[in-house]
Amino acid sequence: MENNICQYCGAHLGPGEVCDCVLSKYNRLTPENRRRLDSFAFALVDAQSRVRDIELTEEERKFLNRFHKADTAEKIVTVAIMCSGSEKDGLDMVEGYIRSDFKRAIKQLRVLQGKHPEYADLYEEAIEHIRRVWLHKEEPAGQEDEVTA
């Protein structure tokens, strides 16, 4: 007998049974968050269809899979790190996120600075990118933004 376990919630399922955890979480989202999630998913599917002929390495596949499963703050952190120190502003990749999403990402970057001091400068650049480009702030580095829920 085959054990079928949901990859998202860990529920043990019977043979042929499909878990409804993702659908039930989706149904509990606000209409605005559903629109944002749908928009992101459609953009991802569109991007995948455009790059089907591109050969990805195993590391690139792992990165894309992890990014796909990331929460909002993790996605913003990833984009901010990619954009900081480059000529790209990344505005097209964060369209639809709100101020509190960016503040949560800054908070997450601050935690990462403490856990991985060897990358503190990189995280600080990402924080400054979020503040300067996405939040349109010009404030001294090192001041933590408060998260407003």
C-alpha atoms as a PDB file:
ATOM      1  CA  MET A   1       0.000   0.000   0.000  1.00  0.00           C
ATOM      2  CA  GLU A   2       1.376   3.383  -1.029  1.00  0.00           C
ATOM      3  CA  ASN A   3       1.620   6.207   1.521  1.00  0.00           C
ATOM      4  CA  ASN A   4       0.381   9.422  -0.001  1.00  0.00           C
ATOM      5  CA  ILE A   5       1.425  12.529   1.959  1.00  0.00           C
ATOM      6  CA  CYS A   6       0.499  16.089   0.987  1.00  0.00           C
ATOM      7  CA  GLN A   7       3.678  17.992   0.141  1.00  0.00           C
ATOM      8  CA  TYR A   8       2.206  21.241   1.470  1.00  0.00           C
ATOM      9  CA  CYS A   9       0.570  20.376   4.800  1.00  0.00           C
ATOM     10  CA  GLY A  10       1.861  16.866   5.529  1.00  0.00           C
ATOM     11  CA  ALA A  11      -1.594  15.285   5.744  1.00  0.00           C
ATOM     12  CA  HIS A  12      -1.724  11.528   5.224  1.00  0.00           C
ATOM     13  CA  LEU A  13      -4.029  10.775   2.321  1.00  0.00           C
ATOM     14  CA  GLY A  14      -5.690   7.631   1.133  1.00  0.00           C
ATOM     15  CA  PRO A  15      -4.923   6.060  -2.256  1.00  0.00           C
ATOM     16  CA  GLY A  16      -6.033   8.447  -4.992  1.00  0.00           C
ATOM     17  CA  GLU A  17      -7.111  11.080  -2.447  1.00  0.00           C
ATOM     18  CA  VAL A  18      -6.165  14.702  -3.194  1.00  0.00           C
ATOM     19  CA  CYS A  19      -5.607  17.185  -0.369  1.00  0.00           C
ATOM     20  CA  ASP A  20      -7.635  20.394  -0.450  1.00  0.00           C
ATOM     21  CA  CYS A  21      -5.332  22.415   1.855  1.00  0.00           C
ATOM     22  CA  VAL A  22      -4.037  24.738  -0.873  1.00  0.00           C
ATOM     23  CA  LEU A  23      -7.513  25.416  -2.236  1.00  0.00           C
ATOM     24  CA  SER A  24      -8.925  26.065   1.231  1.00  0.00           C
ATOM     25  CA  LYS A  25      -6.088  28.515   2.000  1.00  0.00           C
ATOM     26  CA  TYR A  26      -6.650  30.209  -1.346  1.00  0.00           C
ATOM     27  CA  ASN A  27     -10.380  30.542  -0.623  1.00  0.00           C
ATOM     28  CA  ARG A  28      -9.596  32.276   2.691  1.00  0.00           C
ATOM     29  CA  LEU A  29      -7.514  34.985   0.969  1.00  0.00           C
ATOM     30  CA  THR A  30      -8.909  38.469   0.539  1.00  0.00           C
ATOM     31  CA  PRO A  31      -9.990  39.300  -3.032  1.00  0.00           C
ATOM     32  CA  GLU A  32      -6.961  41.622  -3.391  1.00  0.00           C
ATOM     33  CA  ASN A  33      -4.538  38.898  -2.268  1.00  0.00           C
ATOM     34  CA  ARG A  34      -6.209  36.396  -4.606  1.00  0.00           C
ATOM     35  CA  ARG A  35      -5.725  38.853  -7.476  1.00  0.00           C
ATOM     36  CA  ARG A  36      -2.057  39.305  -6.538  1.00  0.00           C
ATOM     37  CA  LEU A  37      -1.471  35.560  -6.239  1.00  0.00           C
ATOM     38  CA  ASP A  38      -3.261  34.876  -9.528  1.00  0.00           C
ATOM     39  CA  SER A  39      -1.260  37.608 -11.240  1.00  0.00           C
ATOM     40  CA  PHE A  40       2.001  36.163  -9.936  1.00  0.00           C
ATOM     41  CA  ALA A  41       1.029  32.613 -10.915  1.00  0.00           C
ATOM     42  CA  PHE A  42       0.008  33.664 -14.436  1.00  0.00           C
ATOM     43  CA  ALA A  43       3.258  35.623 -14.824  1.00  0.00           C
ATOM     44  CA  LEU A  44       5.212  32.571 -13.681  1.00  0.00           C
ATOM     45  CA  VAL A  45       3.390  30.279 -16.118  1.00  0.00           C
ATOM     46  CA  ASP A  46       3.974  32.828 -18.895  1.00  0.00           C
ATOM     47  CA  ALA A  47       7.668  33.022 -18.030  1.00  0.00           C
ATOM     48  CA  GLN A  48       7.931  29.236 -17.955  1.00  0.00           C
ATOM     49  CA  SER A  49       6.339  28.973 -21.385  1.00  0.00           C
ATOM     50  CA  ARG A  50       8.865  31.481 -22.761  1.00  0.00           C
ATOM     51  CA  VAL A  51      11.872  29.614 -21.383  1.00  0.00           C
ATOM     52  CA  ARG A  52      10.927  26.025 -22.123  1.00  0.00           C
ATOM     53  CA  ASP A  53      13.746  25.703 -24.613  1.00  0.00           C
ATOM     54  CA  ILE A  54      16.326  26.965 -22.113  1.00  0.00           C
ATOM     55  CA  GLU A  55      18.324  24.261 -20.404  1.00  0.00           C
ATOM     56  CA  LEU A  56      18.392  24.893 -16.633  1.00  0.00           C
ATOM     57  CA  THR A  57      21.006  23.502 -14.289  1.00  0.00           C
ATOM     58  CA  GLU A  58      19.927  21.574 -11.224  1.00  0.00           C
ATOM     59  CA  GLU A  59      20.870  24.569  -9.041  1.00  0.00           C
ATOM     60  CA  GLU A  60      18.708  26.893 -11.156  1.00  0.00           C
ATOM     61  CA  ARG A  61      15.774  24.481 -10.892  1.00  0.00           C
ATOM     62  CA  LYS A  62      16.212  24.314  -7.099  1.00  0.00           C
ATOM     63  CA  PHE A  63      16.325  28.117  -6.891  1.00  0.00           C
ATOM     64  CA  LEU A  64      13.175  28.541  -8.986  1.00  0.00           C
ATOM     65  CA  ASN A  65      11.373  25.855  -6.982  1.00  0.00           C
ATOM     66  CA  ARG A  66      12.337  27.501  -3.697  1.00  0.00           C
ATOM     67  CA  PHE A  67      11.311  30.927  -5.013  1.00  0.00           C
ATOM     68  CA  HIS A  68       7.987  29.486  -6.166  1.00  0.00           C
ATOM     69  CA  LYS A  69       7.281  28.169  -2.638  1.00  0.00           C
ATOM     70  CA  ALA A  70       8.511  31.326  -0.863  1.00  0.00           C
ATOM     71  CA  ASP A  71       6.212  33.609   1.089  1.00  0.00           C
ATOM     72  CA  THR A  72       5.787  37.297   0.193  1.00  0.00           C
ATOM     73  CA  ALA A  73       8.621  38.556   2.402  1.00  0.00           C
ATOM     74  CA  GLU A  74      11.023  35.888   1.096  1.00  0.00           C
ATOM     75  CA  LYS A  75      10.207  36.833  -2.499  1.00  0.00           C
ATOM     76  CA  ILE A  76      10.812  40.531  -1.797  1.00  0.00           C
ATOM     77  CA  VAL A  77      14.087  39.711   0.002  1.00  0.00           C
ATOM     78  CA  THR A  78      15.265  37.636  -2.962  1.00  0.00           C
ATOM     79  CA  VAL A  79      14.397  40.307  -5.533  1.00  0.00           C
ATOM     80  CA  ALA A  80      15.960  43.042  -3.377  1.00  0.00           C
ATOM     81  CA  ILE A  81      19.223  41.114  -3.072  1.00  0.00           C
ATOM     82  CA  MET A  82      19.262  40.509  -6.834  1.00  0.00           C
ATOM     83  CA  CYS A  83      18.570  44.172  -7.626  1.00  0.00           C
ATOM     84  CA  SER A  84      20.823  45.860  -5.063  1.00  0.00           C
ATOM     85  CA  GLY A  85      24.110  46.815  -6.636  1.00  0.00           C
ATOM     86  CA  SER A  86      22.751  46.364 -10.156  1.00  0.00           C
ATOM     87  CA  GLU A  87      21.276  48.765 -12.655  1.00  0.00           C
ATOM     88  CA  LYS A  88      17.835  47.143 -12.401  1.00  0.00           C
ATOM     89  CA  ASP A  89      15.294  48.653 -10.025  1.00  0.00           C
ATOM     90  CA  GLY A  90      13.091  45.528  -9.913  1.00  0.00           C
ATOM     91  CA  LEU A  91       9.874  47.547  -9.793  1.00  0.00           C
ATOM     92  CA  ASP A  92       8.215  45.226 -12.298  1.00  0.00           C
ATOM     93  CA  MET A  93       8.939  42.251 -10.016  1.00  0.00           C
ATOM     94  CA  VAL A  94       7.372  43.793  -6.904  1.00  0.00           C
ATOM     95  CA  GLU A  95       4.340  45.423  -8.453  1.00  0.00           C
ATOM     96  CA  GLY A  96       1.272  44.914  -6.297  1.00  0.00           C
ATOM     97  CA  TYR A  97       3.083  44.469  -2.992  1.00  0.00           C
ATOM     98  CA  ILE A  98       2.162  46.911  -0.252  1.00  0.00           C
ATOM     99  CA  ARG A  99       4.230  48.967   2.195  1.00  0.00           C
ATOM    100  CA  SER A 100       3.862  46.456   5.048  1.00  0.00           C
ATOM    101  CA  ASP A 101       5.155  43.654   2.762  1.00  0.00           C
ATOM    102  CA  PHE A 102       8.340  45.648   2.193  1.00  0.00           C
ATOM    103  CA  LYS A 103       8.700  46.382   5.905  1.00  0.00           C
ATOM    104  CA  ARG A 104       8.364  42.675   6.718  1.00  0.00           C
ATOM    105  CA  ALA A 105      11.075  41.954   4.150  1.00  0.00           C
ATOM    106  CA  ILE A 106      13.355  44.513   5.826  1.00  0.00           C
ATOM    107  CA  LYS A 107      12.685  42.869   9.178  1.00  0.00           C
ATOM    108  CA  GLN A 108      13.549  39.474   7.684  1.00  0.00           C
ATOM    109  CA  LEU A 109      16.790  40.906   6.249  1.00  0.00           C
ATOM    110  CA  ARG A 110      17.690  42.255   9.709  1.00  0.00           C
ATOM    111  CA  VAL A 111      17.239  38.757  11.147  1.00  0.00           C
ATOM    112  CA  LEU A 112      19.433  37.344   8.384  1.00  0.00           C
ATOM    113  CA  GLN A 113      22.128  39.924   9.184  1.00  0.00           C
ATOM    114  CA  GLY A 114      22.268  38.581  12.726  1.00  0.00           C
ATOM    115  CA  LYS A 115      22.328  34.938  11.643  1.00  0.00           C
ATOM    116  CA  HIS A 116      24.847  35.424   8.827  1.00  0.00           C
ATOM    117  CA  PRO A 117      27.151  38.344   9.650  1.00  0.00           C
ATOM    118  CA  GLU A 118      29.423  37.377   6.751  1.00  0.00           C
ATOM    119  CA  TYR A 119      26.669  38.615   4.395  1.00  0.00           C
ATOM    120  CA  ALA A 120      25.670  41.663   6.470  1.00  0.00           C
ATOM    121  CA  ASP A 121      26.850  44.139   3.800  1.00  0.00           C
ATOM    122  CA  LEU A 122      24.832  42.379   1.095  1.00  0.00           C
ATOM    123  CA  TYR A 123      21.718  42.396   3.269  1.00  0.00           C
ATOM    124  CA  GLU A 124      22.259  46.083   4.100  1.00  0.00           C
ATOM    125  CA  GLU A 125      22.437  46.904   0.368  1.00  0.00           C
ATOM    126  CA  ALA A 126      19.155  45.039  -0.153  1.00  0.00           C
ATOM    127  CA  ILE A 127      17.547  46.956   2.733  1.00  0.00           C
ATOM    128  CA  GLU A 128      18.750  50.255   1.298  1.00  0.00           C
ATOM    129  CA  HIS A 129      17.385  49.249  -2.128  1.00  0.00           C
ATOM    130  CA  ILE A 130      13.961  48.502  -0.647  1.00  0.00           C
ATOM    131  CA  ARG A 131      13.918  51.798   1.227  1.00  0.00           C
ATOM    132  CA  ARG A 132      15.294  54.009  -1.525  1.00  0.00           C
ATOM    133  CA  VAL A 133      13.675  52.515  -4.633  1.00  0.00           C
ATOM    134  CA  TRP A 134      10.522  50.740  -3.464  1.00  0.00           C
ATOM    135  CA  LEU A 135       9.555  52.755  -0.374  1.00  0.00           C
ATOM    136  CA  HIS A 136      10.993  56.036  -1.708  1.00  0.00           C
ATOM    137  CA  LYS A 137      12.698  56.799   1.606  1.00  0.00           C
ATOM    138  CA  GLU A 138      15.923  58.624   2.254  1.00  0.00           C
ATOM    139  CA  GLU A 139      16.789  57.819   5.865  1.00  0.00           C
ATOM    140  CA  PRO A 140      20.012  56.851   7.595  1.00  0.00           C
ATOM    141  CA  ALA A 141      21.043  53.209   7.378  1.00  0.00           C
ATOM    142  CA  GLY A 142      20.533  51.014  10.403  1.00  0.00           C
ATOM    143  CA  GLN A 143      17.142  52.346  11.444  1.00  0.00           C
ATOM    144  CA  GLU A 144      14.660  49.511  11.535  1.00  0.00           C
ATOM    145  CA  ASP A 145      11.215  50.034  10.084  1.00  0.00           C
ATOM    146  CA  GLU A 146       8.364  48.885  12.255  1.00  0.00           C
ATOM    147  CA  VAL A 147       5.977  46.368  10.747  1.00  0.00           C
ATOM    148  CA  THR A 148       2.389  47.472  10.661  1.00  0.00           C
ATOM    149  CA  ALA A 149      -0.046  44.660  10.163  1.00  0.00           C
END
